Amino acid sequence: MPYSPAASPQAVEVRTPGRLHLGMFSFGNPAVPSFGGVGVMLDAFGIAVRLTRADRFAAVGPMAERAVQFARQFAAAWQADAACLIEVLESPRPHVGLGSGTQLALAVAAGMRRLFVDEPSPGAGSFTVAEAFSLAAAVGRGRRSSVGIYGFAGGGLIAEKGRMAGDGGGPPSPLLARVELPEAWRCVVLIRRDAAGLHGDAEKAAFARLPPVAGDLSSELVRIACEELVPAARQGRFDAFSDAVGRYGKLAGRPFESESSRLPFHDAIGRLIAMLGELGVAGAAQSSWGPAVMACCPSSAAAEELVAELTARGLAVDHDITVARFNTRGASLREIQAGTGCGRRP
């Protein structure tokens, strides 16, 4: 429905969770679904944007140029004759395995849709899966992983099936499971300050060089996810969950070794995960291309103890170390009316 300037909110603010991706099920084999895999959403490392109606597109803050690009994509896809100022209020460092690109794209698209397409709906809002995929389609996300799209809608642990090659219609990947992880559990995230993972054209080139994932390896990844990881999460069995995370992450990394071994931080990440294992952390795994590494902990106290030990071992010198809750809500949106100090106009 076309928007009415008189009824539309002056501005909206969208906040998303962060995302860790533990690895894909398969790629390169036309006989089975491509990509898919497992990931988790975190309360930390999310995106926060504020969009204010304006006469032209402009943006301030980190990833400002990408934010404007996503806004223009949405406007073209929805044929919305509209523009806005985008303020990126919060954002993690990009290209380290936190899914910030997808969350920024979805947040901007969600804000544009509420400002210029939807009927106003005062108060805080959440998103359905269908809405999240509609937003993703408008800004060109979800061509491989859909973990961040499902996580935007509802948070949690996400397992998604993947999609067959050439399947151009419908959601990018069917959902296998979404599980809200127990409130007490925590995730310690370590990110090297001097490193960045593959992205953009370099990532596309890497995928083009990779051989197809072997069928038996893909089947074992699906088995671990569906028969061990997801049931343990649903039942709140931390030790079983953590063990499955570690084994899944290690196995999921094998198909990428020919490319990931070229990254300058590859060996250091291996040593870090081995160190975490020596400290009793079975649920340690790299997210996406890295360098972000997650370490699962059963409680806040256990997470703080781990951080103290890692700091004592000198990890804080060249790593950012964060204790995060697992997100169980997904993204949220609130409308801001005129006169509430919603920010600058270009």
C-alpha atoms as a PDB file:
ATOM      1  CA  MET A   1       0.000   0.000   0.000  1.00  0.00           C
ATOM      2  CA  PRO A   2       1.477   3.418  -0.906  1.00  0.00           C
ATOM      3  CA  TYR A   3       2.457   5.432   2.104  1.00  0.00           C
ATOM      4  CA  SER A   4       0.728   8.552   3.323  1.00  0.00           C
ATOM      5  CA  PRO A   5       3.178  11.211   4.589  1.00  0.00           C
ATOM      6  CA  ALA A   6       0.593  12.460   7.029  1.00  0.00           C
ATOM      7  CA  ALA A   7       0.111   9.054   8.633  1.00  0.00           C
ATOM      8  CA  SER A   8       3.623   7.694   8.244  1.00  0.00           C
ATOM      9  CA  PRO A   9       6.041   7.935  11.180  1.00  0.00           C
ATOM     10  CA  GLN A  10       8.740  10.564  11.022  1.00  0.00           C
ATOM     11  CA  ALA A  11      11.450   7.975  11.632  1.00  0.00           C
ATOM     12  CA  VAL A  12      11.992   4.368  12.636  1.00  0.00           C
ATOM     13  CA  GLU A  13      14.701   2.581  14.533  1.00  0.00           C
ATOM     14  CA  VAL A  14      15.567  -1.064  13.796  1.00  0.00           C
ATOM     15  CA  ARG A  15      17.796  -3.284  15.943  1.00  0.00           C
ATOM     16  CA  THR A  16      19.016  -6.726  14.921  1.00  0.00           C
ATOM     17  CA  PRO A  17      20.908  -9.568  16.615  1.00  0.00           C
ATOM     18  CA  GLY A  18      24.394 -10.654  15.590  1.00  0.00           C
ATOM     19  CA  ARG A  19      25.012 -13.946  13.802  1.00  0.00           C
ATOM     20  CA  LEU A  20      27.583 -16.733  14.002  1.00  0.00           C
ATOM     21  CA  HIS A  21      27.648 -19.323  11.196  1.00  0.00           C
ATOM     22  CA  LEU A  22      29.040 -22.748  12.118  1.00  0.00           C
ATOM     23  CA  GLY A  23      29.309 -24.056   8.574  1.00  0.00           C
ATOM     24  CA  MET A  24      27.392 -25.227   5.516  1.00  0.00           C
ATOM     25  CA  PHE A  25      26.068 -28.692   4.727  1.00  0.00           C
ATOM     26  CA  SER A  26      27.081 -28.815   1.073  1.00  0.00           C
ATOM     27  CA  PHE A  27      27.927 -26.933  -2.111  1.00  0.00           C
ATOM     28  CA  GLY A  28      28.905 -27.797  -5.658  1.00  0.00           C
ATOM     29  CA  ASN A  29      26.863 -31.017  -5.915  1.00  0.00           C
ATOM     30  CA  PRO A  30      23.774 -30.546  -8.139  1.00  0.00           C
ATOM     31  CA  ALA A  31      22.168 -33.718  -6.768  1.00  0.00           C
ATOM     32  CA  VAL A  32      21.719 -32.337  -3.242  1.00  0.00           C
ATOM     33  CA  PRO A  33      20.689 -28.954  -1.800  1.00  0.00           C
ATOM     34  CA  SER A  34      23.485 -26.384  -1.733  1.00  0.00           C
ATOM     35  CA  PHE A  35      24.610 -24.386   1.276  1.00  0.00           C
ATOM     36  CA  GLY A  36      22.181 -24.777   4.201  1.00  0.00           C
ATOM     37  CA  GLY A  37      23.846 -25.336   7.564  1.00  0.00           C
ATOM     38  CA  VAL A  38      23.748 -24.179  11.167  1.00  0.00           C
ATOM     39  CA  GLY A  39      24.165 -20.869  12.958  1.00  0.00           C
ATOM     40  CA  VAL A  40      23.238 -19.036  16.134  1.00  0.00           C
ATOM     41  CA  MET A  41      22.045 -15.513  16.848  1.00  0.00           C
ATOM     42  CA  LEU A  42      23.536 -13.358  19.616  1.00  0.00           C
ATOM     43  CA  ASP A  43      22.365 -10.323  21.550  1.00  0.00           C
ATOM     44  CA  ALA A  44      25.801  -8.793  20.874  1.00  0.00           C
ATOM     45  CA  PHE A  45      27.266  -7.656  17.514  1.00  0.00           C
ATOM     46  CA  GLY A  46      23.941  -6.533  16.090  1.00  0.00           C
ATOM     47  CA  ILE A  47      23.033  -3.618  13.845  1.00  0.00           C
ATOM     48  CA  ALA A  48      21.082  -0.556  14.972  1.00  0.00           C
ATOM     49  CA  VAL A  49      19.877   1.938  12.370  1.00  0.00           C
ATOM     50  CA  ARG A  50      17.592   4.943  12.436  1.00  0.00           C
ATOM     51  CA  LEU A  51      15.864   5.995   9.212  1.00  0.00           C
ATOM     52  CA  THR A  52      14.319   9.458   8.910  1.00  0.00           C
ATOM     53  CA  ARG A  53      12.208  10.585   5.961  1.00  0.00           C
ATOM     54  CA  ALA A  54      14.155  13.061   3.824  1.00  0.00           C
ATOM     55  CA  ASP A  55      14.348  14.614   0.343  1.00  0.00           C
ATOM     56  CA  ARG A  56      17.360  12.558  -0.720  1.00  0.00           C
ATOM     57  CA  PHE A  57      19.310   9.491   0.334  1.00  0.00           C
ATOM     58  CA  ALA A  58      22.148  10.059   2.781  1.00  0.00           C
ATOM     59  CA  ALA A  59      23.808   8.076   5.540  1.00  0.00           C
ATOM     60  CA  VAL A  60      26.195   8.582   8.433  1.00  0.00           C
ATOM     61  CA  GLY A  61      28.088   6.137  10.600  1.00  0.00           C
ATOM     62  CA  PRO A  62      29.894   2.876   9.864  1.00  0.00           C
ATOM     63  CA  MET A  63      28.990   1.124   6.594  1.00  0.00           C
ATOM     64  CA  ALA A  64      27.118   4.270   5.515  1.00  0.00           C
ATOM     65  CA  GLU A  65      27.680   3.688   1.798  1.00  0.00           C
ATOM     66  CA  ARG A  66      26.369   0.122   2.003  1.00  0.00           C
ATOM     67  CA  ALA A  67      23.324   1.336   3.932  1.00  0.00           C
ATOM     68  CA  VAL A  68      22.440   3.785   1.153  1.00  0.00           C
ATOM     69  CA  GLN A  69      22.969   1.066  -1.446  1.00  0.00           C
ATOM     70  CA  PHE A  70      20.518  -1.221   0.351  1.00  0.00           C
ATOM     71  CA  ALA A  71      17.989   1.603   0.694  1.00  0.00           C
ATOM     72  CA  ARG A  72      18.168   2.337  -3.029  1.00  0.00           C
ATOM     73  CA  GLN A  73      17.768  -1.379  -3.812  1.00  0.00           C
ATOM     74  CA  PHE A  74      14.670  -1.563  -1.648  1.00  0.00           C
ATOM     75  CA  ALA A  75      13.169   1.571  -3.188  1.00  0.00           C
ATOM     76  CA  ALA A  76      13.700   0.156  -6.686  1.00  0.00           C
ATOM     77  CA  ALA A  77      12.314  -3.275  -5.790  1.00  0.00           C
ATOM     78  CA  TRP A  78       9.174  -1.848  -4.186  1.00  0.00           C
ATOM     79  CA  GLN A  79       8.867   1.091  -6.588  1.00  0.00           C
ATOM     80  CA  ALA A  80       8.811   3.413  -3.613  1.00  0.00           C
ATOM     81  CA  ASP A  81       9.288   7.045  -4.587  1.00  0.00           C
ATOM     82  CA  ALA A  82      10.976   7.934  -1.322  1.00  0.00           C
ATOM     83  CA  ALA A  83      14.302   8.751   0.308  1.00  0.00           C
ATOM     84  CA  CYS A  84      15.689   8.913   3.817  1.00  0.00           C
ATOM     85  CA  LEU A  85      18.603   9.731   6.052  1.00  0.00           C
ATOM     86  CA  ILE A  86      20.117   6.577   7.544  1.00  0.00           C
ATOM     87  CA  GLU A  87      22.048   6.753  10.798  1.00  0.00           C
ATOM     88  CA  VAL A  88      24.006   3.591  11.562  1.00  0.00           C
ATOM     89  CA  LEU A  89      23.984   3.789  15.349  1.00  0.00           C
ATOM     90  CA  GLU A  90      25.631   0.449  16.137  1.00  0.00           C
ATOM     91  CA  SER A  91      27.597  -1.974  14.003  1.00  0.00           C
ATOM     92  CA  PRO A  92      30.252  -4.628  14.578  1.00  0.00           C
ATOM     93  CA  ARG A  93      33.461  -4.722  12.574  1.00  0.00           C
ATOM     94  CA  PRO A  94      32.550  -6.089   9.119  1.00  0.00           C
ATOM     95  CA  HIS A  95      33.958  -9.197   7.424  1.00  0.00           C
ATOM     96  CA  VAL A  96      34.904 -11.087  10.582  1.00  0.00           C
ATOM     97  CA  GLY A  97      32.120 -13.696  10.589  1.00  0.00           C
ATOM     98  CA  LEU A  98      29.313 -11.834  12.369  1.00  0.00           C
ATOM     99  CA  GLY A  99      26.827 -11.530   9.495  1.00  0.00           C
ATOM    100  CA  SER A 100      26.753  -7.731   9.649  1.00  0.00           C
ATOM    101  CA  GLY A 101      26.102  -7.262   5.924  1.00  0.00           C
ATOM    102  CA  THR A 102      22.872  -9.250   5.931  1.00  0.00           C
ATOM    103  CA  GLN A 103      21.647  -7.694   9.169  1.00  0.00           C
ATOM    104  CA  LEU A 104      22.360  -4.180   7.866  1.00  0.00           C
ATOM    105  CA  ALA A 105      20.537  -4.956   4.625  1.00  0.00           C
ATOM    106  CA  LEU A 106      17.496  -6.358   6.424  1.00  0.00           C
ATOM    107  CA  ALA A 107      17.426  -3.525   8.975  1.00  0.00           C
ATOM    108  CA  VAL A 108      17.504  -0.862   6.263  1.00  0.00           C
ATOM    109  CA  ALA A 109      14.871  -2.687   4.207  1.00  0.00           C
ATOM    110  CA  ALA A 110      12.641  -3.090   7.272  1.00  0.00           C
ATOM    111  CA  GLY A 111      12.920   0.606   8.058  1.00  0.00           C
ATOM    112  CA  MET A 112      12.176   1.606   4.466  1.00  0.00           C
ATOM    113  CA  ARG A 113       9.159  -0.681   4.325  1.00  0.00           C
ATOM    114  CA  ARG A 114       7.669   0.745   7.530  1.00  0.00           C
ATOM    115  CA  LEU A 115       8.315   4.348   6.489  1.00  0.00           C
ATOM    116  CA  PHE A 116       7.118   4.151   2.900  1.00  0.00           C
ATOM    117  CA  VAL A 117       5.063   1.002   2.297  1.00  0.00           C
ATOM    118  CA  ASP A 118       3.278  -0.326   5.384  1.00  0.00           C
ATOM    119  CA  GLU A 119       0.496   1.194   7.401  1.00  0.00           C
ATOM    120  CA  PRO A 120       1.875   2.754  10.622  1.00  0.00           C
ATOM    121  CA  SER A 121       1.810   0.554  13.703  1.00  0.00           C
ATOM    122  CA  PRO A 122       2.930   2.432  16.827  1.00  0.00           C
ATOM    123  CA  GLY A 123       5.114   0.665  19.363  1.00  0.00           C
ATOM    124  CA  ALA A 124       7.805  -1.989  19.085  1.00  0.00           C
ATOM    125  CA  GLY A 125       7.445  -4.460  16.237  1.00  0.00           C
ATOM    126  CA  SER A 126       8.901  -7.825  15.318  1.00  0.00           C
ATOM    127  CA  PHE A 127       9.060  -9.705  12.029  1.00  0.00           C
ATOM    128  CA  THR A 128       7.632 -12.923  10.643  1.00  0.00           C
ATOM    129  CA  VAL A 129       9.727 -15.318   8.574  1.00  0.00           C
ATOM    130  CA  ALA A 130       7.738 -14.364   5.477  1.00  0.00           C
ATOM    131  CA  GLU A 131       8.446 -10.673   6.090  1.00  0.00           C
ATOM    132  CA  ALA A 132      12.140 -11.351   6.607  1.00  0.00           C
ATOM    133  CA  PHE A 133      12.428 -13.242   3.312  1.00  0.00           C
ATOM    134  CA  SER A 134      10.482 -10.526   1.505  1.00  0.00           C
ATOM    135  CA  LEU A 135      12.920  -7.932   2.831  1.00  0.00           C
ATOM    136  CA  ALA A 136      15.889 -10.127   1.892  1.00  0.00           C
ATOM    137  CA  ALA A 137      14.639 -10.545  -1.672  1.00  0.00           C
ATOM    138  CA  ALA A 138      14.336  -6.776  -2.084  1.00  0.00           C
ATOM    139  CA  VAL A 139      17.966  -6.192  -1.110  1.00  0.00           C
ATOM    140  CA  GLY A 140      19.529  -9.269  -2.696  1.00  0.00           C
ATOM    141  CA  ARG A 141      20.410 -11.301   0.403  1.00  0.00           C
ATOM    142  CA  GLY A 142      20.057 -15.047   1.042  1.00  0.00           C
ATOM    143  CA  ARG A 143      21.609 -16.321  -2.175  1.00  0.00           C
ATOM    144  CA  ARG A 144      23.693 -18.755  -0.121  1.00  0.00           C
ATOM    145  CA  SER A 145      23.087 -18.862   3.638  1.00  0.00           C
ATOM    146  CA  SER A 146      19.642 -18.088   5.068  1.00  0.00           C
ATOM    147  CA  VAL A 147      20.670 -18.365   8.732  1.00  0.00           C
ATOM    148  CA  GLY A 148      20.757 -14.596   9.151  1.00  0.00           C
ATOM    149  CA  ILE A 149      17.320 -14.185   7.557  1.00  0.00           C
ATOM    150  CA  TYR A 150      15.681 -16.728   9.858  1.00  0.00           C
ATOM    151  CA  GLY A 151      17.613 -15.263  12.784  1.00  0.00           C
ATOM    152  CA  PHE A 152      16.423 -11.748  11.945  1.00  0.00           C
ATOM    153  CA  ALA A 153      12.857 -13.027  12.228  1.00  0.00           C
ATOM    154  CA  GLY A 154      13.176 -14.939  15.485  1.00  0.00           C
ATOM    155  CA  GLY A 155      16.699 -15.396  16.826  1.00  0.00           C
ATOM    156  CA  GLY A 156      17.801 -18.729  18.258  1.00  0.00           C
ATOM    157  CA  LEU A 157      19.786 -21.659  16.928  1.00  0.00           C
ATOM    158  CA  ILE A 158      18.998 -22.054  13.222  1.00  0.00           C
ATOM    159  CA  ALA A 159      19.360 -25.162  11.054  1.00  0.00           C
ATOM    160  CA  GLU A 160      18.397 -24.685   7.402  1.00  0.00           C
ATOM    161  CA  LYS A 161      18.283 -27.227   4.603  1.00  0.00           C
ATOM    162  CA  GLY A 162      19.758 -25.364   1.620  1.00  0.00           C
ATOM    163  CA  ARG A 163      18.293 -25.110  -1.863  1.00  0.00           C
ATOM    164  CA  MET A 164      18.674 -27.016  -5.099  1.00  0.00           C
ATOM    165  CA  ALA A 165      20.752 -25.449  -7.854  1.00  0.00           C
ATOM    166  CA  GLY A 166      18.550 -23.378 -10.139  1.00  0.00           C
ATOM    167  CA  ASP A 167      15.754 -23.059  -7.561  1.00  0.00           C
ATOM    168  CA  GLY A 168      15.046 -19.420  -8.158  1.00  0.00           C
ATOM    169  CA  GLY A 169      11.637 -19.135  -6.513  1.00  0.00           C
ATOM    170  CA  GLY A 170      10.418 -19.088  -2.952  1.00  0.00           C
ATOM    171  CA  PRO A 171      12.468 -18.842   0.230  1.00  0.00           C
ATOM    172  CA  PRO A 172      16.189 -19.381  -0.339  1.00  0.00           C
ATOM    173  CA  SER A 173      16.272 -22.354   2.046  1.00  0.00           C
ATOM    174  CA  PRO A 174      13.675 -24.326   4.053  1.00  0.00           C
ATOM    175  CA  LEU A 175      13.979 -24.195   7.824  1.00  0.00           C
ATOM    176  CA  LEU A 176      14.865 -27.473   9.515  1.00  0.00           C
ATOM    177  CA  ALA A 177      14.760 -26.182  13.090  1.00  0.00           C
ATOM    178  CA  ARG A 178      14.801 -23.025  15.164  1.00  0.00           C
ATOM    179  CA  VAL A 179      15.514 -23.488  18.857  1.00  0.00           C
ATOM    180  CA  GLU A 180      15.601 -20.915  21.649  1.00  0.00           C
ATOM    181  CA  LEU A 181      18.733 -21.686  23.639  1.00  0.00           C
ATOM    182  CA  PRO A 182      18.523 -21.662  27.449  1.00  0.00           C
ATOM    183  CA  GLU A 183      18.716 -18.265  29.105  1.00  0.00           C
ATOM    184  CA  ALA A 184      21.652 -19.287  31.305  1.00  0.00           C
ATOM    185  CA  TRP A 185      23.943 -20.295  28.443  1.00  0.00           C
ATOM    186  CA  ARG A 186      26.560 -17.860  27.173  1.00  0.00           C
ATOM    187  CA  CYS A 187      28.879 -17.517  24.214  1.00  0.00           C
ATOM    188  CA  VAL A 188      32.393 -16.089  24.515  1.00  0.00           C
ATOM    189  CA  VAL A 189      33.415 -14.588  21.177  1.00  0.00           C
ATOM    190  CA  LEU A 190      37.060 -13.916  20.327  1.00  0.00           C
ATOM    191  CA  ILE A 191      37.982 -11.796  17.298  1.00  0.00           C
ATOM    192  CA  ARG A 192      41.524 -11.026  16.183  1.00  0.00           C
ATOM    193  CA  ARG A 193      41.942  -7.290  15.719  1.00  0.00           C
ATOM    194  CA  ASP A 194      44.365  -7.607  12.809  1.00  0.00           C
ATOM    195  CA  ALA A 195      42.343  -9.974  10.621  1.00  0.00           C
ATOM    196  CA  ALA A 196      39.395 -10.083   8.230  1.00  0.00           C
ATOM    197  CA  GLY A 197      37.723 -12.988   6.459  1.00  0.00           C
ATOM    198  CA  LEU A 198      36.994 -13.382   2.769  1.00  0.00           C
ATOM    199  CA  HIS A 199      34.214 -11.257   1.319  1.00  0.00           C
ATOM    200  CA  GLY A 200      32.996  -9.756  -1.933  1.00  0.00           C
ATOM    201  CA  ASP A 201      34.786 -10.776  -5.124  1.00  0.00           C
ATOM    202  CA  ALA A 202      37.493 -12.657  -3.200  1.00  0.00           C
ATOM    203  CA  GLU A 203      34.856 -14.863  -1.586  1.00  0.00           C
ATOM    204  CA  LYS A 204      33.135 -15.505  -4.908  1.00  0.00           C
ATOM    205  CA  ALA A 205      36.453 -16.505  -6.446  1.00  0.00           C
ATOM    206  CA  ALA A 206      37.203 -18.827  -3.535  1.00  0.00           C
ATOM    207  CA  PHE A 207      33.858 -20.617  -3.928  1.00  0.00           C
ATOM    208  CA  ALA A 208      34.524 -20.986  -7.650  1.00  0.00           C
ATOM    209  CA  ARG A 209      37.815 -22.766  -6.920  1.00  0.00           C
ATOM    210  CA  LEU A 210      36.482 -25.085  -4.213  1.00  0.00           C
ATOM    211  CA  PRO A 211      35.668 -28.699  -5.128  1.00  0.00           C
ATOM    212  CA  PRO A 212      32.180 -30.078  -4.337  1.00  0.00           C
ATOM    213  CA  VAL A 213      31.591 -31.296  -0.794  1.00  0.00           C
ATOM    214  CA  ALA A 214      31.835 -35.077  -0.571  1.00  0.00           C
ATOM    215  CA  GLY A 215      28.465 -36.760  -0.080  1.00  0.00           C
ATOM    216  CA  ASP A 216      29.454 -38.688   3.032  1.00  0.00           C
ATOM    217  CA  LEU A 217      30.804 -35.545   4.703  1.00  0.00           C
ATOM    218  CA  SER A 218      27.622 -33.643   3.884  1.00  0.00           C
ATOM    219  CA  SER A 219      25.469 -36.482   5.254  1.00  0.00           C
ATOM    220  CA  GLU A 220      27.453 -36.519   8.496  1.00  0.00           C
ATOM    221  CA  LEU A 221      27.057 -32.773   8.947  1.00  0.00           C
ATOM    222  CA  VAL A 222      23.290 -33.095   8.511  1.00  0.00           C
ATOM    223  CA  ARG A 223      23.229 -36.026  10.944  1.00  0.00           C
ATOM    224  CA  ILE A 224      25.152 -34.133  13.642  1.00  0.00           C
ATOM    225  CA  ALA A 225      22.912 -31.094  13.218  1.00  0.00           C
ATOM    226  CA  CYS A 226      19.587 -32.916  13.196  1.00  0.00           C
ATOM    227  CA  GLU A 227      20.275 -35.857  15.522  1.00  0.00           C
ATOM    228  CA  GLU A 228      22.646 -34.307  18.061  1.00  0.00           C
ATOM    229  CA  LEU A 229      22.932 -30.530  17.991  1.00  0.00           C
ATOM    230  CA  VAL A 230      19.270 -29.577  17.651  1.00  0.00           C
ATOM    231  CA  PRO A 231      17.920 -32.201  20.127  1.00  0.00           C
ATOM    232  CA  ALA A 232      20.535 -31.250  22.736  1.00  0.00           C
ATOM    233  CA  ALA A 233      19.603 -27.584  22.341  1.00  0.00           C
ATOM    234  CA  ARG A 234      15.879 -28.321  22.687  1.00  0.00           C
ATOM    235  CA  GLN A 235      16.437 -30.421  25.790  1.00  0.00           C
ATOM    236  CA  GLY A 236      18.881 -27.990  27.403  1.00  0.00           C
ATOM    237  CA  ARG A 237      21.682 -30.568  27.603  1.00  0.00           C
ATOM    238  CA  PHE A 238      24.675 -28.261  27.538  1.00  0.00           C
ATOM    239  CA  ASP A 239      27.487 -30.842  27.462  1.00  0.00           C
ATOM    240  CA  ALA A 240      25.934 -32.685  24.514  1.00  0.00           C
ATOM    241  CA  PHE A 241      25.216 -29.391  22.742  1.00  0.00           C
ATOM    242  CA  SER A 242      28.741 -28.109  23.248  1.00  0.00           C
ATOM    243  CA  ASP A 243      30.309 -31.357  22.073  1.00  0.00           C
ATOM    244  CA  ALA A 244      28.157 -31.317  18.925  1.00  0.00           C
ATOM    245  CA  VAL A 245      29.075 -27.686  18.203  1.00  0.00           C
ATOM    246  CA  GLY A 246      32.778 -28.505  18.328  1.00  0.00           C
ATOM    247  CA  ARG A 247      32.546 -31.584  16.124  1.00  0.00           C
ATOM    248  CA  TYR A 248      30.216 -29.901  13.646  1.00  0.00           C
ATOM    249  CA  GLY A 249      32.456 -26.848  13.348  1.00  0.00           C
ATOM    250  CA  LYS A 250      35.590 -28.908  12.792  1.00  0.00           C
ATOM    251  CA  LEU A 251      33.937 -31.095  10.148  1.00  0.00           C
ATOM    252  CA  ALA A 252      32.262 -28.164   8.395  1.00  0.00           C
ATOM    253  CA  GLY A 253      35.646 -26.494   7.944  1.00  0.00           C
ATOM    254  CA  ARG A 254      37.167 -29.351   5.951  1.00  0.00           C
ATOM    255  CA  PRO A 255      35.648 -28.508   2.537  1.00  0.00           C
ATOM    256  CA  PHE A 256      37.092 -24.988   2.820  1.00  0.00           C
ATOM    257  CA  GLU A 257      40.644 -25.918   3.845  1.00  0.00           C
ATOM    258  CA  SER A 258      42.216 -25.350   0.427  1.00  0.00           C
ATOM    259  CA  GLU A 259      41.054 -21.716   0.580  1.00  0.00           C
ATOM    260  CA  SER A 260      40.968 -20.978   4.310  1.00  0.00           C
ATOM    261  CA  SER A 261      44.554 -22.224   4.704  1.00  0.00           C
ATOM    262  CA  ARG A 262      45.651 -19.247   2.585  1.00  0.00           C
ATOM    263  CA  LEU A 263      44.308 -16.765   5.124  1.00  0.00           C
ATOM    264  CA  PRO A 264      47.057 -15.311   7.325  1.00  0.00           C
ATOM    265  CA  PHE A 265      45.210 -16.074  10.564  1.00  0.00           C
ATOM    266  CA  HIS A 266      44.364 -19.704   9.697  1.00  0.00           C
ATOM    267  CA  ASP A 267      47.010 -21.360  11.900  1.00  0.00           C
ATOM    268  CA  ALA A 268      46.373 -18.977  14.786  1.00  0.00           C
ATOM    269  CA  ILE A 269      42.664 -19.854  14.777  1.00  0.00           C
ATOM    270  CA  GLY A 270      43.556 -23.553  14.895  1.00  0.00           C
ATOM    271  CA  ARG A 271      45.808 -22.959  17.889  1.00  0.00           C
ATOM    272  CA  LEU A 272      43.101 -20.918  19.626  1.00  0.00           C
ATOM    273  CA  ILE A 273      40.470 -23.646  19.215  1.00  0.00           C
ATOM    274  CA  ALA A 274      42.987 -26.227  20.457  1.00  0.00           C
ATOM    275  CA  MET A 275      43.700 -24.048  23.504  1.00  0.00           C
ATOM    276  CA  LEU A 276      40.001 -23.753  24.251  1.00  0.00           C
ATOM    277  CA  GLY A 277      39.744 -27.543  24.077  1.00  0.00           C
ATOM    278  CA  GLU A 278      42.586 -27.863  26.593  1.00  0.00           C
ATOM    279  CA  LEU A 279      40.630 -25.533  28.884  1.00  0.00           C
ATOM    280  CA  GLY A 280      37.640 -27.876  28.706  1.00  0.00           C
ATOM    281  CA  VAL A 281      35.624 -25.917  26.125  1.00  0.00           C
ATOM    282  CA  ALA A 282      34.330 -28.578  23.727  1.00  0.00           C
ATOM    283  CA  GLY A 283      31.982 -26.166  21.944  1.00  0.00           C
ATOM    284  CA  ALA A 284      34.557 -24.015  20.187  1.00  0.00           C
ATOM    285  CA  ALA A 285      34.210 -23.229  16.490  1.00  0.00           C
ATOM    286  CA  GLN A 286      35.070 -20.607  13.888  1.00  0.00           C
ATOM    287  CA  SER A 287      32.254 -18.546  12.393  1.00  0.00           C
ATOM    288  CA  SER A 288      32.120 -18.451   8.595  1.00  0.00           C
ATOM    289  CA  TRP A 289      35.556 -17.491   7.150  1.00  0.00           C
ATOM    290  CA  GLY A 290      36.559 -16.101  10.550  1.00  0.00           C
ATOM    291  CA  PRO A 291      38.369 -14.726  12.358  1.00  0.00           C
ATOM    292  CA  ALA A 292      35.527 -14.774  14.918  1.00  0.00           C
ATOM    293  CA  VAL A 293      35.638 -17.850  17.170  1.00  0.00           C
ATOM    294  CA  MET A 294      32.839 -18.871  19.543  1.00  0.00           C
ATOM    295  CA  ALA A 295      33.250 -20.729  22.816  1.00  0.00           C
ATOM    296  CA  CYS A 296      30.093 -22.133  24.434  1.00  0.00           C
ATOM    297  CA  CYS A 297      29.701 -21.788  28.206  1.00  0.00           C
ATOM    298  CA  PRO A 298      26.944 -23.166  30.480  1.00  0.00           C
ATOM    299  CA  SER A 299      26.599 -19.990  32.550  1.00  0.00           C
ATOM    300  CA  SER A 300      27.647 -16.375  32.935  1.00  0.00           C
ATOM    301  CA  ALA A 301      30.053 -17.355  35.715  1.00  0.00           C
ATOM    302  CA  ALA A 302      31.714 -19.981  33.537  1.00  0.00           C
ATOM    303  CA  ALA A 303      32.033 -17.459  30.707  1.00  0.00           C
ATOM    304  CA  GLU A 304      33.658 -14.882  32.973  1.00  0.00           C
ATOM    305  CA  GLU A 305      36.070 -17.509  34.291  1.00  0.00           C
ATOM    306  CA  LEU A 306      37.031 -18.402  30.739  1.00  0.00           C
ATOM    307  CA  VAL A 307      37.597 -14.753  29.851  1.00  0.00           C
ATOM    308  CA  ALA A 308      39.802 -14.324  32.908  1.00  0.00           C
ATOM    309  CA  GLU A 309      41.889 -17.367  31.939  1.00  0.00           C
ATOM    310  CA  LEU A 310      42.217 -16.247  28.333  1.00  0.00           C
ATOM    311  CA  THR A 311      43.211 -12.754  29.466  1.00  0.00           C
ATOM    312  CA  ALA A 312      45.820 -14.229  31.812  1.00  0.00           C
ATOM    313  CA  ARG A 313      47.235 -16.137  28.837  1.00  0.00           C
ATOM    314  CA  GLY A 314      47.618 -12.919  26.864  1.00  0.00           C
ATOM    315  CA  LEU A 315      44.733 -13.345  24.394  1.00  0.00           C
ATOM    316  CA  ALA A 316      43.321  -9.898  25.157  1.00  0.00           C
ATOM    317  CA  VAL A 317      46.441  -8.272  23.705  1.00  0.00           C
ATOM    318  CA  ASP A 318      45.379  -8.947  20.119  1.00  0.00           C
ATOM    319  CA  HIS A 319      41.785 -10.176  20.475  1.00  0.00           C
ATOM    320  CA  ASP A 320      38.497  -8.503  21.296  1.00  0.00           C
ATOM    321  CA  ILE A 321      36.798 -10.826  23.798  1.00  0.00           C
ATOM    322  CA  THR A 322      33.048 -10.530  24.417  1.00  0.00           C
ATOM    323  CA  VAL A 323      30.600 -12.482  26.557  1.00  0.00           C
ATOM    324  CA  ALA A 324      27.250 -12.647  24.752  1.00  0.00           C
ATOM    325  CA  ARG A 325      23.789 -14.009  25.419  1.00  0.00           C
ATOM    326  CA  PHE A 326      22.108 -16.133  22.773  1.00  0.00           C
ATOM    327  CA  ASN A 327      19.353 -14.098  21.150  1.00  0.00           C
ATOM    328  CA  THR A 328      15.820 -15.512  21.284  1.00  0.00           C
ATOM    329  CA  ARG A 329      13.770 -12.647  19.808  1.00  0.00           C
ATOM    330  CA  GLY A 330      15.192 -11.578  16.479  1.00  0.00           C
ATOM    331  CA  ALA A 331      15.080  -7.990  15.264  1.00  0.00           C
ATOM    332  CA  SER A 332      12.778  -5.228  16.497  1.00  0.00           C
ATOM    333  CA  LEU A 333      11.430  -1.984  15.095  1.00  0.00           C
ATOM    334  CA  ARG A 334       9.998   1.074  16.781  1.00  0.00           C
ATOM    335  CA  GLU A 335       8.405   4.124  15.237  1.00  0.00           C
ATOM    336  CA  ILE A 336       9.547   7.627  16.147  1.00  0.00           C
ATOM    337  CA  GLN A 337       7.196  10.534  15.675  1.00  0.00           C
ATOM    338  CA  ALA A 338       8.139  14.118  14.934  1.00  0.00           C
ATOM    339  CA  GLY A 339       9.561  16.109  17.823  1.00  0.00           C
ATOM    340  CA  THR A 340      11.211  13.176  19.617  1.00  0.00           C
ATOM    341  CA  GLY A 341      14.789  14.069  18.766  1.00  0.00           C
ATOM    342  CA  CYS A 342      15.090  11.450  16.090  1.00  0.00           C
ATOM    343  CA  GLY A 343      18.230  12.808  14.534  1.00  0.00           C
ATOM    344  CA  ARG A 344      19.670  15.038  11.832  1.00  0.00           C
ATOM    345  CA  ARG A 345      18.189  15.675   8.412  1.00  0.00           C
ATOM    346  CA  PRO A 346      20.436  16.144   5.373  1.00  0.00           C
END
